[in-house]
Amino acid sequence: MSTPSLPLAGHRILLTQAGDFMGPALARVLAGQGAEVVASLETLDAPGAAEAVVQGAGTLHAVVANLGIPAPATPADAVDDAQWRHCFATMVDPLPRLLRAVLPQMRERGAGRFLVMGSASALRGMKRTSSYSAARGAQLAWVQAVGVELAPLGIRVNAIAQNFVDNPTYFPPAVQADPRFQERLRREVPLGRLVSAEEDAAFAAYLLSGPADCFAGQVFPVSGGWAVR
């Protein structure tokens, strides 16, 4: 009796900022589902950095744009140009650069996946996050536009908009151990807990797999119910 192949077997997937945000969990889960993960650890804010990473990666069936920074907690009238520019330079500017670099090979094959690990802060207002939320919102608008443009070519561009997902960038152990944070979870998140990193990464893996071919230009909230209240 033959053993069923893993859903991502034979797929080479570029994972950006693999040591941050959802990177560690994504690397584990994608590899566990058979993918060859090309893990890039650097941030991609510098011009030419995204293009160099794609060029060095070789053949790619998918790109997971995992782009994250510690979210500034700044009143709207105190956000200066440097903070605004930093949010967009690290989380938005790499997207078109990555796409331009990888699109020729995906277009030639008539297939490809581009998944953005975004934030539900773009879907629901949060105090003192105007610069961060604006950049995250730009990510999602980009995904929606590019996703419908490239769908006829067999290339699927989608995004996960997450919050209250266990990850080292936004919810490190010290934060999770704080009783005030646990009370916030019970008060604000219908699930009553953080979404686990493995749950989120497994959904990302699904979106990169064949059965998810019907999704194009879509944004999927993963937030334990927080974003849809």
C-alpha atoms as a PDB file:
ATOM      1  CA  MET A   1       0.000   0.000   0.000  1.00  0.00           C
ATOM      2  CA  SER A   2       1.582   3.303  -1.082  1.00  0.00           C
ATOM      3  CA  THR A   3       2.144   6.118   1.401  1.00  0.00           C
ATOM      4  CA  PRO A   4       0.340   9.381   0.510  1.00  0.00           C
ATOM      5  CA  SER A   5       2.762  12.126  -0.415  1.00  0.00           C
ATOM      6  CA  LEU A   6       3.045  15.163   1.820  1.00  0.00           C
ATOM      7  CA  PRO A   7       1.004  18.164   0.588  1.00  0.00           C
ATOM      8  CA  LEU A   8       4.051  20.363  -0.047  1.00  0.00           C
ATOM      9  CA  ALA A   9       6.448  17.669  -1.261  1.00  0.00           C
ATOM     10  CA  GLY A  10       8.652  18.940  -4.063  1.00  0.00           C
ATOM     11  CA  HIS A  11       7.933  22.589  -3.317  1.00  0.00           C
ATOM     12  CA  ARG A  12      10.748  25.073  -2.676  1.00  0.00           C
ATOM     13  CA  ILE A  13       9.454  27.931  -0.544  1.00  0.00           C
ATOM     14  CA  LEU A  14      11.291  31.149   0.286  1.00  0.00           C
ATOM     15  CA  LEU A  15      10.565  32.266   3.841  1.00  0.00           C
ATOM     16  CA  THR A  16      11.666  35.799   4.707  1.00  0.00           C
ATOM     17  CA  GLN A  17      12.742  36.978   8.182  1.00  0.00           C
ATOM     18  CA  ALA A  18      12.744  33.331   9.159  1.00  0.00           C
ATOM     19  CA  GLY A  19      14.004  34.038  12.671  1.00  0.00           C
ATOM     20  CA  ASP A  20      11.278  36.566  13.520  1.00  0.00           C
ATOM     21  CA  PHE A  21       7.504  36.862  13.817  1.00  0.00           C
ATOM     22  CA  MET A  22       6.015  33.613  12.459  1.00  0.00           C
ATOM     23  CA  GLY A  23       9.272  32.488  10.861  1.00  0.00           C
ATOM     24  CA  PRO A  24      10.344  29.716  13.269  1.00  0.00           C
ATOM     25  CA  ALA A  25       6.911  28.049  13.311  1.00  0.00           C
ATOM     26  CA  LEU A  26       6.465  28.379   9.562  1.00  0.00           C
ATOM     27  CA  ALA A  27       9.863  26.813   8.893  1.00  0.00           C
ATOM     28  CA  ARG A  28       9.010  23.809  11.091  1.00  0.00           C
ATOM     29  CA  VAL A  29       5.505  23.251   9.756  1.00  0.00           C
ATOM     30  CA  LEU A  30       6.296  23.792   6.072  1.00  0.00           C
ATOM     31  CA  ALA A  31       9.248  21.419   6.269  1.00  0.00           C
ATOM     32  CA  GLY A  32       7.077  18.900   8.103  1.00  0.00           C
ATOM     33  CA  GLN A  33       4.634  18.979   5.206  1.00  0.00           C
ATOM     34  CA  GLY A  34       7.382  18.179   2.743  1.00  0.00           C
ATOM     35  CA  ALA A  35       8.546  21.604   1.548  1.00  0.00           C
ATOM     36  CA  GLU A  36      12.151  22.563   1.026  1.00  0.00           C
ATOM     37  CA  VAL A  37      12.294  25.822   2.980  1.00  0.00           C
ATOM     38  CA  VAL A  38      14.773  28.449   1.838  1.00  0.00           C
ATOM     39  CA  ALA A  39      15.074  30.491   5.031  1.00  0.00           C
ATOM     40  CA  SER A  40      16.296  34.075   4.779  1.00  0.00           C
ATOM     41  CA  LEU A  41      17.121  35.677   8.125  1.00  0.00           C
ATOM     42  CA  GLU A  42      17.733  39.248   7.043  1.00  0.00           C
ATOM     43  CA  THR A  43      15.359  42.164   6.960  1.00  0.00           C
ATOM     44  CA  LEU A  44      14.677  43.371   3.442  1.00  0.00           C
ATOM     45  CA  ASP A  45      14.350  47.126   3.865  1.00  0.00           C
ATOM     46  CA  ALA A  46      17.511  47.963   1.887  1.00  0.00           C
ATOM     47  CA  PRO A  47      17.038  48.475  -1.870  1.00  0.00           C
ATOM     48  CA  GLY A  48      18.211  45.380  -3.707  1.00  0.00           C
ATOM     49  CA  ALA A  49      17.992  43.086  -0.668  1.00  0.00           C
ATOM     50  CA  ALA A  50      14.758  41.343  -1.685  1.00  0.00           C
ATOM     51  CA  GLU A  51      15.935  40.856  -5.248  1.00  0.00           C
ATOM     52  CA  ALA A  52      19.238  39.381  -4.057  1.00  0.00           C
ATOM     53  CA  VAL A  53      17.477  36.890  -1.780  1.00  0.00           C
ATOM     54  CA  VAL A  54      15.224  35.666  -4.589  1.00  0.00           C
ATOM     55  CA  GLN A  55      18.111  35.428  -7.032  1.00  0.00           C
ATOM     56  CA  GLY A  56      20.164  33.437  -4.558  1.00  0.00           C
ATOM     57  CA  ALA A  57      17.273  31.086  -3.814  1.00  0.00           C
ATOM     58  CA  GLY A  58      17.000  29.699  -7.338  1.00  0.00           C
ATOM     59  CA  THR A  59      13.829  27.835  -8.299  1.00  0.00           C
ATOM     60  CA  LEU A  60      10.888  28.813  -6.089  1.00  0.00           C
ATOM     61  CA  HIS A  61       7.339  27.526  -6.073  1.00  0.00           C
ATOM     62  CA  ALA A  62       6.225  29.969  -3.370  1.00  0.00           C
ATOM     63  CA  VAL A  63       7.265  33.009  -1.376  1.00  0.00           C
ATOM     64  CA  VAL A  64       6.101  33.580   2.190  1.00  0.00           C
ATOM     65  CA  ALA A  65       6.573  37.248   2.970  1.00  0.00           C
ATOM     66  CA  ASN A  66       6.980  37.096   6.732  1.00  0.00           C
ATOM     67  CA  LEU A  67       7.798  40.715   7.547  1.00  0.00           C
ATOM     68  CA  GLY A  68       7.595  42.010  11.105  1.00  0.00           C
ATOM     69  CA  ILE A  69       8.967  44.611  13.481  1.00  0.00           C
ATOM     70  CA  PRO A  70       8.203  45.387  17.119  1.00  0.00           C
ATOM     71  CA  ALA A  71       5.070  47.505  16.832  1.00  0.00           C
ATOM     72  CA  PRO A  72       5.599  51.129  17.910  1.00  0.00           C
ATOM     73  CA  ALA A  73       3.135  52.320  20.553  1.00  0.00           C
ATOM     74  CA  THR A  74       3.037  56.006  19.638  1.00  0.00           C
ATOM     75  CA  PRO A  75       0.182  58.530  19.839  1.00  0.00           C
ATOM     76  CA  ALA A  76      -0.888  59.582  16.357  1.00  0.00           C
ATOM     77  CA  ASP A  77       0.353  63.154  16.733  1.00  0.00           C
ATOM     78  CA  ALA A  78       3.773  61.944  17.923  1.00  0.00           C
ATOM     79  CA  VAL A  79       4.518  59.715  14.914  1.00  0.00           C
ATOM     80  CA  ASP A  80       7.464  61.296  13.124  1.00  0.00           C
ATOM     81  CA  ASP A  81       8.608  60.769   9.556  1.00  0.00           C
ATOM     82  CA  ALA A  82      11.352  58.346  10.607  1.00  0.00           C
ATOM     83  CA  GLN A  83       8.949  55.974  12.363  1.00  0.00           C
ATOM     84  CA  TRP A  84       6.432  56.127   9.522  1.00  0.00           C
ATOM     85  CA  ARG A  85       9.119  55.464   6.927  1.00  0.00           C
ATOM     86  CA  HIS A  86      10.593  52.592   8.970  1.00  0.00           C
ATOM     87  CA  CYS A  87       7.237  50.782   9.149  1.00  0.00           C
ATOM     88  CA  PHE A  88       6.705  51.035   5.417  1.00  0.00           C
ATOM     89  CA  ALA A  89      10.338  50.328   4.492  1.00  0.00           C
ATOM     90  CA  THR A  90      10.423  47.058   6.425  1.00  0.00           C
ATOM     91  CA  MET A  91       6.894  45.730   5.910  1.00  0.00           C
ATOM     92  CA  VAL A  92       5.598  47.185   2.619  1.00  0.00           C
ATOM     93  CA  ASP A  93       8.492  48.095   0.306  1.00  0.00           C
ATOM     94  CA  PRO A  94       9.838  44.506   0.131  1.00  0.00           C
ATOM     95  CA  LEU A  95       6.572  43.170  -1.309  1.00  0.00           C
ATOM     96  CA  PRO A  96       6.742  44.562  -4.859  1.00  0.00           C
ATOM     97  CA  ARG A  97      10.484  43.902  -4.911  1.00  0.00           C
ATOM     98  CA  LEU A  98      10.027  40.246  -4.004  1.00  0.00           C
ATOM     99  CA  LEU A  99       7.246  39.883  -6.547  1.00  0.00           C
ATOM    100  CA  ARG A 100       9.172  41.516  -9.386  1.00  0.00           C
ATOM    101  CA  ALA A 101      12.084  39.190  -8.714  1.00  0.00           C
ATOM    102  CA  VAL A 102      10.130  35.933  -8.543  1.00  0.00           C
ATOM    103  CA  LEU A 103       7.363  36.625 -11.052  1.00  0.00           C
ATOM    104  CA  PRO A 104       9.278  35.706 -14.234  1.00  0.00           C
ATOM    105  CA  GLN A 105       9.840  32.096 -13.160  1.00  0.00           C
ATOM    106  CA  MET A 106       6.275  31.735 -11.828  1.00  0.00           C
ATOM    107  CA  ARG A 107       4.837  33.191 -15.024  1.00  0.00           C
ATOM    108  CA  GLU A 108       6.908  30.777 -17.088  1.00  0.00           C
ATOM    109  CA  ARG A 109       5.572  27.796 -15.097  1.00  0.00           C
ATOM    110  CA  GLY A 110       2.031  29.180 -15.037  1.00  0.00           C
ATOM    111  CA  ALA A 111       1.871  28.576 -11.292  1.00  0.00           C
ATOM    112  CA  GLY A 112       3.077  29.993  -8.001  1.00  0.00           C
ATOM    113  CA  ARG A 113       2.098  31.104  -4.526  1.00  0.00           C
ATOM    114  CA  PHE A 114       2.832  34.383  -2.733  1.00  0.00           C
ATOM    115  CA  LEU A 115       1.588  34.533   0.860  1.00  0.00           C
ATOM    116  CA  VAL A 116       1.868  37.611   3.083  1.00  0.00           C
ATOM    117  CA  MET A 117       1.891  37.135   6.853  1.00  0.00           C
ATOM    118  CA  GLY A 118       0.050  40.303   7.814  1.00  0.00           C
ATOM    119  CA  SER A 119      -1.781  41.714  10.806  1.00  0.00           C
ATOM    120  CA  ALA A 120      -5.384  42.080  11.880  1.00  0.00           C
ATOM    121  CA  SER A 121      -4.444  45.529  13.189  1.00  0.00           C
ATOM    122  CA  ALA A 122      -5.328  46.589   9.635  1.00  0.00           C
ATOM    123  CA  LEU A 123      -8.881  45.284  10.136  1.00  0.00           C
ATOM    124  CA  ARG A 124      -9.764  46.730  13.534  1.00  0.00           C
ATOM    125  CA  GLY A 125      -8.673  50.005  15.074  1.00  0.00           C
ATOM    126  CA  MET A 126      -6.127  49.954  17.861  1.00  0.00           C
ATOM    127  CA  LYS A 127      -4.897  52.939  19.853  1.00  0.00           C
ATOM    128  CA  ARG A 128      -1.331  54.190  19.365  1.00  0.00           C
ATOM    129  CA  THR A 129      -0.654  51.974  16.341  1.00  0.00           C
ATOM    130  CA  SER A 130      -1.296  54.379  13.452  1.00  0.00           C
ATOM    131  CA  SER A 131       2.081  53.944  11.734  1.00  0.00           C
ATOM    132  CA  TYR A 132       2.168  50.171  12.186  1.00  0.00           C
ATOM    133  CA  SER A 133      -1.478  49.635  11.250  1.00  0.00           C
ATOM    134  CA  ALA A 134      -1.155  51.836   8.170  1.00  0.00           C
ATOM    135  CA  ALA A 135       1.731  49.733   6.896  1.00  0.00           C
ATOM    136  CA  ARG A 136      -0.119  46.517   7.645  1.00  0.00           C
ATOM    137  CA  GLY A 137      -3.161  47.918   5.844  1.00  0.00           C
ATOM    138  CA  ALA A 138      -1.034  48.723   2.808  1.00  0.00           C
ATOM    139  CA  GLN A 139       0.112  45.094   2.754  1.00  0.00           C
ATOM    140  CA  LEU A 140      -3.459  43.839   2.587  1.00  0.00           C
ATOM    141  CA  ALA A 141      -4.535  46.327  -0.080  1.00  0.00           C
ATOM    142  CA  TRP A 142      -1.523  45.282  -2.155  1.00  0.00           C
ATOM    143  CA  VAL A 143      -2.459  41.604  -1.791  1.00  0.00           C
ATOM    144  CA  GLN A 144      -6.037  42.214  -2.894  1.00  0.00           C
ATOM    145  CA  ALA A 145      -4.990  44.169  -5.993  1.00  0.00           C
ATOM    146  CA  VAL A 146      -2.108  41.938  -7.042  1.00  0.00           C
ATOM    147  CA  GLY A 147      -4.053  38.784  -6.237  1.00  0.00           C
ATOM    148  CA  VAL A 148      -6.846  39.497  -8.719  1.00  0.00           C
ATOM    149  CA  GLU A 149      -4.333  40.692 -11.332  1.00  0.00           C
ATOM    150  CA  LEU A 150      -2.218  37.539 -11.238  1.00  0.00           C
ATOM    151  CA  ALA A 151      -4.953  34.948 -10.711  1.00  0.00           C
ATOM    152  CA  PRO A 152      -5.464  34.387 -14.474  1.00  0.00           C
ATOM    153  CA  LEU A 153      -1.767  33.468 -14.708  1.00  0.00           C
ATOM    154  CA  GLY A 154      -2.133  30.642 -12.202  1.00  0.00           C
ATOM    155  CA  ILE A 155      -0.354  32.640  -9.470  1.00  0.00           C
ATOM    156  CA  ARG A 156      -2.150  32.882  -6.143  1.00  0.00           C
ATOM    157  CA  VAL A 157      -1.468  35.871  -3.894  1.00  0.00           C
ATOM    158  CA  ASN A 158      -3.179  35.882  -0.484  1.00  0.00           C
ATOM    159  CA  ALA A 159      -2.628  37.085   3.071  1.00  0.00           C
ATOM    160  CA  ILE A 160      -3.153  36.016   6.651  1.00  0.00           C
ATOM    161  CA  ALA A 161      -4.168  38.930   8.884  1.00  0.00           C
ATOM    162  CA  GLN A 162      -3.360  37.796  12.376  1.00  0.00           C
ATOM    163  CA  ASN A 163      -3.412  38.975  15.945  1.00  0.00           C
ATOM    164  CA  PHE A 164      -3.174  37.174  19.254  1.00  0.00           C
ATOM    165  CA  VAL A 165      -1.087  34.422  17.659  1.00  0.00           C
ATOM    166  CA  ASP A 166       1.806  33.045  19.711  1.00  0.00           C
ATOM    167  CA  ASN A 167       5.054  34.377  18.232  1.00  0.00           C
ATOM    168  CA  PRO A 168       8.332  35.739  19.627  1.00  0.00           C
ATOM    169  CA  THR A 169       8.084  39.213  18.067  1.00  0.00           C
ATOM    170  CA  TYR A 170       4.735  40.374  19.436  1.00  0.00           C
ATOM    171  CA  PHE A 171       3.939  37.990  22.296  1.00  0.00           C
ATOM    172  CA  PRO A 172       7.226  36.881  23.860  1.00  0.00           C
ATOM    173  CA  PRO A 173       7.171  34.722  27.020  1.00  0.00           C
ATOM    174  CA  ALA A 174       7.523  37.735  29.340  1.00  0.00           C
ATOM    175  CA  VAL A 175       4.366  39.288  27.918  1.00  0.00           C
ATOM    176  CA  GLN A 176       2.423  36.047  28.078  1.00  0.00           C
ATOM    177  CA  ALA A 177       3.407  35.532  31.736  1.00  0.00           C
ATOM    178  CA  ASP A 178       1.951  38.903  32.761  1.00  0.00           C
ATOM    179  CA  PRO A 179      -1.407  38.405  34.553  1.00  0.00           C
ATOM    180  CA  ARG A 180      -2.658  41.648  32.982  1.00  0.00           C
ATOM    181  CA  PHE A 181      -2.092  40.174  29.548  1.00  0.00           C
ATOM    182  CA  GLN A 182      -3.917  36.984  30.464  1.00  0.00           C
ATOM    183  CA  GLU A 183      -6.845  39.080  31.666  1.00  0.00           C
ATOM    184  CA  ARG A 184      -6.756  40.999  28.375  1.00  0.00           C
ATOM    185  CA  LEU A 185      -6.955  37.701  26.476  1.00  0.00           C
ATOM    186  CA  ARG A 186     -10.041  36.650  28.424  1.00  0.00           C
ATOM    187  CA  ARG A 187     -11.628  40.065  27.904  1.00  0.00           C
ATOM    188  CA  GLU A 188     -10.842  40.737  24.238  1.00  0.00           C
ATOM    189  CA  VAL A 189     -10.350  37.391  22.492  1.00  0.00           C
ATOM    190  CA  PRO A 190     -13.424  35.159  22.127  1.00  0.00           C
ATOM    191  CA  LEU A 191     -11.167  32.101  21.927  1.00  0.00           C
ATOM    192  CA  GLY A 192      -9.865  32.982  25.385  1.00  0.00           C
ATOM    193  CA  ARG A 193      -6.253  32.163  24.513  1.00  0.00           C
ATOM    194  CA  LEU A 194      -3.589  32.829  21.937  1.00  0.00           C
ATOM    195  CA  VAL A 195      -3.869  30.996  18.635  1.00  0.00           C
ATOM    196  CA  SER A 196      -0.914  28.606  18.681  1.00  0.00           C
ATOM    197  CA  ALA A 197       1.969  29.144  16.294  1.00  0.00           C
ATOM    198  CA  GLU A 198       1.385  25.673  14.860  1.00  0.00           C
ATOM    199  CA  GLU A 199      -2.307  26.373  14.175  1.00  0.00           C
ATOM    200  CA  ASP A 200      -1.448  29.539  12.282  1.00  0.00           C
ATOM    201  CA  ALA A 201       1.442  27.951  10.388  1.00  0.00           C
ATOM    202  CA  ALA A 202      -0.708  24.952   9.425  1.00  0.00           C
ATOM    203  CA  PHE A 203      -3.247  27.314   7.870  1.00  0.00           C
ATOM    204  CA  ALA A 204      -0.433  29.043   5.985  1.00  0.00           C
ATOM    205  CA  ALA A 205       0.723  25.656   4.717  1.00  0.00           C
ATOM    206  CA  TYR A 206      -2.799  24.916   3.510  1.00  0.00           C
ATOM    207  CA  LEU A 207      -2.918  28.190   1.563  1.00  0.00           C
ATOM    208  CA  LEU A 208       0.330  27.173  -0.144  1.00  0.00           C
ATOM    209  CA  SER A 209      -1.016  23.756  -1.125  1.00  0.00           C
ATOM    210  CA  GLY A 210      -2.987  22.518  -4.115  1.00  0.00           C
ATOM    211  CA  PRO A 211      -6.405  22.334  -2.416  1.00  0.00           C
ATOM    212  CA  ALA A 212      -6.253  26.125  -1.827  1.00  0.00           C
ATOM    213  CA  ASP A 213      -6.028  26.918  -5.536  1.00  0.00           C
ATOM    214  CA  CYS A 214      -9.463  28.575  -5.424  1.00  0.00           C
ATOM    215  CA  PHE A 215      -8.270  31.524  -3.302  1.00  0.00           C
ATOM    216  CA  ALA A 216      -6.962  34.665  -5.000  1.00  0.00           C
ATOM    217  CA  GLY A 217      -6.426  38.131  -3.551  1.00  0.00           C
ATOM    218  CA  GLN A 218      -8.006  37.166  -0.255  1.00  0.00           C
ATOM    219  CA  VAL A 219      -7.275  38.211   3.318  1.00  0.00           C
ATOM    220  CA  PHE A 220      -7.906  35.631   6.034  1.00  0.00           C
ATOM    221  CA  PRO A 221      -8.193  36.847   9.664  1.00  0.00           C
ATOM    222  CA  VAL A 222      -6.554  34.511  12.178  1.00  0.00           C
ATOM    223  CA  SER A 223      -7.118  36.067  15.579  1.00  0.00           C
ATOM    224  CA  GLY A 224      -9.189  33.827  17.812  1.00  0.00           C
ATOM    225  CA  GLY A 225     -12.248  35.866  16.881  1.00  0.00           C
ATOM    226  CA  TRP A 226     -10.741  39.246  17.847  1.00  0.00           C
ATOM    227  CA  ALA A 227     -10.880  40.699  14.312  1.00  0.00           C
ATOM    228  CA  VAL A 228     -14.455  39.661  13.596  1.00  0.00           C
ATOM    229  CA  ARG A 229     -16.199  40.835  16.777  1.00  0.00           C
END
